[in-house]
């Protein structure tokens, strides 16, 4: 429950896209791929554990929230155990990062440290950025730009512009997962003084933001093809459009917990489906420069 398995596609999907770009460029390091994948998962789980612990300490996870029970606030696990699990999980992420630093250079040390720090400070520290409406921006950066380009870099040791462009739709969909979460919790977050982007914008404008994020992902995805760098197979990800359309309808018309919890899980599934299709399109296109 504390690991929030439904959010893990946000960690897995960008690694798959970055690796498909590396494969298309004629490079694949299976050990680096596994290390990057496990590192991303551990950072995601560590962030979720840290969030569970910090929100409970700040009183943000109250009994009237619509989301699943949080293990710390709900008294299911002692806070010290949740904190210990956070340390252990981030420690495992560091262990994965050590190998990546060895094979890809010291730059990965800074990236890994920044990723873990961002995970902790989301709801921890004196000024958690998740409480100031910056959560979606950081998710876009770290589960989009950093994760995709980083997964490519650890296998190729270069950073072409295509890696950054392909990271944008991935980051938008990852941020959309958080948008659903914050729309669901908008009332309880407001009462707890948690000024998420949803609280700042209001329910209706946040719903429009969700639609814009999903639309932006599908529009930007074929951009490398339009710029003459890859093939039209990038449009394969558009096969996920029906799921995106159905999700926008749910978010626009529902405010109850079960519906939005389902939309949260399905947005994660949308991101994973989109990225699997996108990665297949990248490979079918022959990779960068084809």
Protein backbone atom coordinates (compact mmCIF):
# COMPACT_ATOMS: atom_id res chain seq x y z
CA UNK A 1 0.00 0.00 0.00
CA UNK A 2 2.75 2.45 0.90
CA UNK A 3 4.72 1.66 -2.27
CA UNK A 4 1.65 2.70 -4.36
CA UNK A 5 2.19 0.16 -7.11
CA UNK A 6 -0.26 1.95 -9.40
CA UNK A 7 2.21 4.81 -9.77
CA UNK A 8 5.14 2.62 -10.81
CA UNK A 9 4.48 2.93 -14.56
CA UNK A 10 5.77 6.49 -14.17
CA UNK A 11 9.16 4.99 -13.27
CA UNK A 12 9.19 2.12 -15.76
CA UNK A 13 7.85 3.83 -18.89
CA UNK A 14 10.60 6.45 -19.39
CA UNK A 15 13.35 3.84 -19.07
CA UNK A 16 11.70 1.81 -21.83
CA UNK A 17 11.55 4.84 -24.14
CA UNK A 18 15.15 5.85 -23.41
CA UNK A 19 16.35 2.30 -23.99
CA UNK A 20 14.46 2.03 -27.29
CA UNK A 21 16.29 5.17 -28.44
CA UNK A 22 19.59 3.56 -27.45
CA UNK A 23 18.69 0.37 -29.31
CA UNK A 24 17.77 2.42 -32.36
CA UNK A 25 21.20 4.03 -32.18
CA UNK A 26 22.83 0.57 -32.17
CA UNK A 27 23.66 0.47 -28.45
CA UNK A 28 22.31 -1.72 -25.69
CA UNK A 29 23.89 -2.48 -22.34
CA UNK A 30 21.62 -4.99 -20.60
CA UNK A 31 23.20 -4.46 -17.17
CA UNK A 32 22.94 -0.68 -17.47
CA UNK A 33 19.32 -1.09 -18.57
CA UNK A 34 18.45 -3.24 -15.54
CA UNK A 35 20.32 -0.88 -13.19
CA UNK A 36 18.51 2.15 -14.63
CA UNK A 37 15.13 0.40 -14.43
CA UNK A 38 15.61 -0.80 -10.85
CA UNK A 39 17.06 2.57 -9.82
CA UNK A 40 14.02 4.39 -11.21
CA UNK A 41 11.62 1.99 -9.46
CA UNK A 42 13.44 2.33 -6.13
CA UNK A 43 13.41 6.13 -6.39
CA UNK A 44 9.66 6.05 -7.11
CA UNK A 45 8.94 3.71 -4.20
CA UNK A 46 11.23 5.69 -1.90
CA UNK A 47 9.42 8.88 -2.86
CA UNK A 48 6.05 7.27 -2.11
CA UNK A 49 7.25 6.03 1.28
CA UNK A 50 8.71 9.43 2.13
CA UNK A 51 5.46 11.07 1.04
CA UNK A 52 3.43 8.69 3.23
CA UNK A 53 5.59 9.49 6.24
CA UNK A 54 5.84 13.27 5.71
CA UNK A 55 2.14 13.82 4.91
CA UNK A 56 1.18 11.99 8.09
CA UNK A 57 3.51 14.17 10.16
CA UNK A 58 2.02 17.31 8.63
CA UNK A 59 -1.56 16.13 9.11
CA UNK A 60 -2.36 16.13 5.39
CA UNK A 61 -3.67 12.53 5.28
CA UNK A 62 -6.92 12.82 7.22
CA UNK A 63 -9.69 10.24 7.60
CA UNK A 64 -11.96 12.04 5.12
CA UNK A 65 -9.57 11.82 2.17
CA UNK A 66 -10.94 10.01 -0.88
CA UNK A 67 -7.79 8.11 -1.75
CA UNK A 68 -6.57 4.78 -0.35
CA UNK A 69 -5.60 4.60 3.30
CA UNK A 70 -2.04 5.76 3.96
CA UNK A 71 -0.15 3.33 6.15
CA UNK A 72 1.42 5.94 8.46
CA UNK A 73 -1.62 8.15 8.99
CA UNK A 74 -3.87 5.09 9.22
CA UNK A 75 -1.74 3.55 11.96
CA UNK A 76 -1.06 0.42 9.93
CA UNK A 77 2.73 0.73 10.22
CA UNK A 78 4.71 2.66 12.85
CA UNK A 79 6.27 5.88 11.47
CA UNK A 80 9.78 4.72 12.37
CA UNK A 81 9.36 1.61 10.21
CA UNK A 82 8.08 3.65 7.26
CA UNK A 83 11.07 5.99 7.63
CA UNK A 84 13.47 3.03 7.82
CA UNK A 85 11.91 1.53 4.69
CA UNK A 86 12.40 4.90 2.97
CA UNK A 87 16.11 4.89 3.81
CA UNK A 88 16.53 1.28 2.69
CA UNK A 89 14.73 1.90 -0.62
CA UNK A 90 16.76 4.99 -1.45
CA UNK A 91 19.88 3.04 -0.44
CA UNK A 92 19.00 0.40 -3.05
CA UNK A 93 18.58 3.18 -5.61
CA UNK A 94 22.07 4.44 -4.72
CA UNK A 95 23.47 0.92 -5.18
CA UNK A 96 22.03 0.84 -8.71
CA UNK A 97 23.42 4.30 -9.33
CA UNK A 98 26.94 3.28 -8.35
CA UNK A 99 27.14 0.92 -11.31
CA UNK A 100 25.75 3.56 -13.67
CA UNK A 101 28.31 6.11 -12.47
CA UNK A 102 31.09 3.59 -13.16
CA UNK A 103 29.95 2.85 -16.71
CA UNK A 104 28.60 6.27 -17.74
CA UNK A 105 30.55 8.86 -15.76
CA UNK A 106 30.30 11.13 -12.74
CA UNK A 107 27.44 13.13 -14.29
CA UNK A 108 25.09 10.35 -13.21
CA UNK A 109 26.10 10.94 -9.60
CA UNK A 110 24.64 14.46 -9.72
CA UNK A 111 21.52 13.24 -11.53
CA UNK A 112 20.91 10.46 -9.01
CA UNK A 113 21.46 12.72 -6.01
CA UNK A 114 19.10 15.34 -7.45
CA UNK A 115 16.44 12.67 -8.12
CA UNK A 116 16.56 11.32 -4.56
CA UNK A 117 16.59 14.84 -3.10
CA UNK A 118 13.55 15.74 -5.21
CA UNK A 119 11.78 12.63 -3.92
CA UNK A 120 12.42 13.53 -0.28
CA UNK A 121 11.61 17.23 -0.59
CA UNK A 122 8.31 16.62 -2.39
CA UNK A 123 6.52 16.54 0.97
CA UNK A 124 9.51 16.61 3.33
CA UNK A 125 11.84 19.34 4.55
CA UNK A 126 10.94 22.84 5.74
CA UNK A 127 9.37 23.97 2.42
CA UNK A 128 8.03 20.92 0.56
CA UNK A 129 7.54 21.88 -3.07
CA UNK A 130 4.55 19.55 -3.37
CA UNK A 131 2.74 21.87 -0.97
CA UNK A 132 3.52 24.88 -3.15
CA UNK A 133 2.03 23.65 -6.43
CA UNK A 134 5.32 22.55 -8.01
CA UNK A 135 4.79 18.79 -7.90
CA UNK A 136 3.73 18.44 -11.54
CA UNK A 137 6.74 20.43 -12.75
CA UNK A 138 9.21 18.24 -10.86
CA UNK A 139 7.47 15.04 -12.00
CA UNK A 140 7.70 16.26 -15.59
CA UNK A 141 11.42 16.96 -15.19
CA UNK A 142 12.49 13.86 -13.28
CA UNK A 143 10.07 11.23 -14.65
CA UNK A 144 10.20 12.66 -18.14
CA UNK A 145 13.26 14.62 -19.24
CA UNK A 146 15.76 13.19 -16.75
CA UNK A 147 14.52 9.58 -16.85
CA UNK A 148 14.30 9.25 -20.65
CA UNK A 149 17.49 11.13 -21.51
CA UNK A 150 19.32 9.53 -18.58
CA UNK A 151 18.31 6.01 -19.64
CA UNK A 152 19.65 6.80 -23.11
CA UNK A 153 22.84 8.38 -21.79
CA UNK A 154 23.87 5.44 -19.58
CA UNK A 155 23.96 3.23 -22.66
CA UNK A 156 25.26 5.59 -25.35
CA UNK A 157 27.08 8.36 -23.38
CA UNK A 158 25.65 11.12 -25.55
CA UNK A 159 22.55 13.32 -25.48
CA UNK A 160 21.01 14.08 -28.90
CA UNK A 161 18.08 16.46 -29.18
CA UNK A 162 15.75 13.59 -30.07
CA UNK A 163 16.11 12.15 -26.56
CA UNK A 164 14.87 15.41 -25.06
CA UNK A 165 11.95 15.72 -27.50
CA UNK A 166 10.87 12.13 -26.89
CA UNK A 167 11.00 12.76 -23.15
CA UNK A 168 8.36 15.50 -23.28
CA UNK A 169 5.26 13.32 -23.92
CA UNK A 170 6.51 10.84 -21.32
CA UNK A 171 6.85 13.62 -18.75
CA UNK A 172 3.43 15.06 -19.57
CA UNK A 173 1.73 11.72 -18.98
CA UNK A 174 3.66 11.17 -15.74
CA UNK A 175 2.53 14.61 -14.55
CA UNK A 176 -1.04 13.76 -15.53
CA UNK A 177 -0.98 10.90 -13.00
CA UNK A 178 -0.24 13.43 -10.25
CA UNK A 179 -2.94 15.77 -11.57
CA UNK A 180 -5.58 13.06 -11.08
CA UNK A 181 -4.29 12.43 -7.56
CA UNK A 182 -4.48 16.13 -6.71
CA UNK A 183 -7.93 16.64 -8.25
CA UNK A 184 -9.20 13.77 -6.11
CA UNK A 185 -7.66 15.23 -2.95
CA UNK A 186 -8.40 18.89 -3.70
CA UNK A 187 -10.83 19.46 -0.82
CA UNK A 188 -8.84 17.68 1.88
CA UNK A 189 -5.59 19.24 0.65
CA UNK A 190 -7.15 22.70 0.83
CA UNK A 191 -8.28 22.11 4.42
CA UNK A 192 -4.83 20.81 5.36
CA UNK A 193 -3.10 23.88 3.90
CA UNK A 194 -1.54 21.84 1.10
CA UNK A 195 -1.51 24.27 -1.85
CA UNK A 196 -1.12 21.82 -4.71
CA UNK A 197 -1.51 23.02 -8.27
CA UNK A 198 -5.09 21.71 -8.20
CA UNK A 199 -5.84 23.79 -5.10
CA UNK A 200 -4.31 26.88 -6.71
CA UNK A 201 -6.09 26.46 -10.05
CA UNK A 202 -9.39 25.06 -8.85
CA UNK A 203 -11.12 21.87 -9.98
CA UNK A 204 -12.33 23.04 -13.40
CA UNK A 205 -9.05 24.55 -14.58
CA UNK A 206 -7.13 21.53 -13.30
CA UNK A 207 -9.40 19.29 -15.36
CA UNK A 208 -8.52 21.39 -18.41
CA UNK A 209 -4.84 21.04 -17.52
CA UNK A 210 -5.23 17.26 -17.49
CA UNK A 211 -6.80 17.33 -20.96
CA UNK A 212 -4.02 19.62 -22.20
CA UNK A 213 -1.33 17.29 -20.84
CA UNK A 214 -2.81 14.24 -22.55
CA UNK A 215 -3.37 16.14 -25.80
CA UNK A 216 0.15 17.58 -25.67
CA UNK A 217 1.66 14.11 -25.30
CA UNK A 218 -0.02 12.81 -28.44
CA UNK A 219 0.73 15.96 -30.45
CA UNK A 220 4.42 16.15 -29.50
CA UNK A 221 5.16 12.42 -29.86
CA UNK A 222 5.58 12.44 -33.69
CA UNK A 223 7.65 15.65 -33.70
CA UNK A 224 10.99 13.88 -34.46
CA UNK A 225 9.34 12.36 -37.54
CA UNK A 226 7.97 15.73 -38.65
CA UNK A 227 11.47 17.17 -38.23
CA UNK A 228 12.89 14.44 -40.49
CA UNK A 229 14.78 12.45 -37.87
CA UNK A 230 12.65 9.32 -37.45
CA UNK A 231 9.93 7.46 -39.32
CA UNK A 232 6.16 7.66 -39.22
CA UNK A 233 6.04 4.61 -36.97
CA UNK A 234 6.13 7.08 -34.08
CA UNK A 235 2.41 7.51 -34.69
CA UNK A 236 1.92 3.99 -33.32
CA UNK A 237 1.41 5.53 -29.87
CA UNK A 238 -1.80 7.14 -31.16
CA UNK A 239 -3.42 3.73 -30.77
CA UNK A 240 -3.73 4.68 -27.08
CA UNK A 241 -5.97 7.65 -27.90
CA UNK A 242 -9.29 5.89 -27.07
CA UNK A 243 -8.09 5.26 -23.51
CA UNK A 244 -7.03 8.92 -23.20
CA UNK A 245 -10.44 10.13 -24.41
CA UNK A 246 -12.32 7.92 -21.95
CA UNK A 247 -10.14 9.18 -19.08
CA UNK A 248 -10.81 12.83 -19.88
CA UNK A 249 -14.54 12.08 -19.71
CA UNK A 250 -14.18 10.49 -16.28
CA UNK A 251 -12.15 13.38 -14.89
CA UNK A 252 -14.57 15.97 -16.28
CA UNK A 253 -17.70 14.34 -14.89
CA UNK A 254 -16.75 12.61 -11.63
CA UNK A 255 -15.68 13.78 -8.18
CA UNK A 256 -16.16 10.58 -6.15
CA UNK A 257 -13.22 8.65 -4.75
CA UNK A 258 -13.76 5.28 -6.48
CA UNK A 259 -14.05 6.87 -9.94
CA UNK A 260 -10.98 9.04 -9.48
CA UNK A 261 -8.98 6.22 -7.92
CA UNK A 262 -9.80 4.19 -11.01
CA UNK A 263 -8.81 7.11 -13.24
CA UNK A 264 -5.51 7.36 -11.37
CA UNK A 265 -4.70 3.70 -12.04
CA UNK A 266 -5.84 3.95 -15.66
CA UNK A 267 -3.74 7.09 -16.25
CA UNK A 268 -0.73 5.07 -15.13
CA UNK A 269 -1.82 2.32 -17.52
CA UNK A 270 -2.23 4.92 -20.27
CA UNK A 271 1.32 6.15 -19.76
CA UNK A 272 2.73 2.63 -19.83
CA UNK A 273 0.68 1.67 -22.92
CA UNK A 274 1.62 4.89 -24.71
CA UNK A 275 5.31 4.40 -23.93
CA UNK A 276 5.35 0.75 -24.99
CA UNK A 277 3.80 1.75 -28.31
CA UNK A 278 6.12 4.75 -28.59
CA UNK A 279 9.16 2.58 -27.92
CA UNK A 280 7.96 0.09 -30.55
CA UNK A 281 7.52 2.96 -32.99
CA UNK A 282 11.03 4.21 -32.31
CA UNK A 283 12.47 0.77 -33.00
CA UNK A 284 10.32 0.26 -36.10
CA UNK A 285 11.51 3.63 -37.38
CA UNK A 286 15.12 2.48 -37.19
CA UNK A 287 16.07 4.92 -34.45
CA UNK A 288 17.65 8.37 -34.48
CA UNK A 289 18.68 9.72 -37.84
CA UNK A 290 16.72 7.18 -39.88
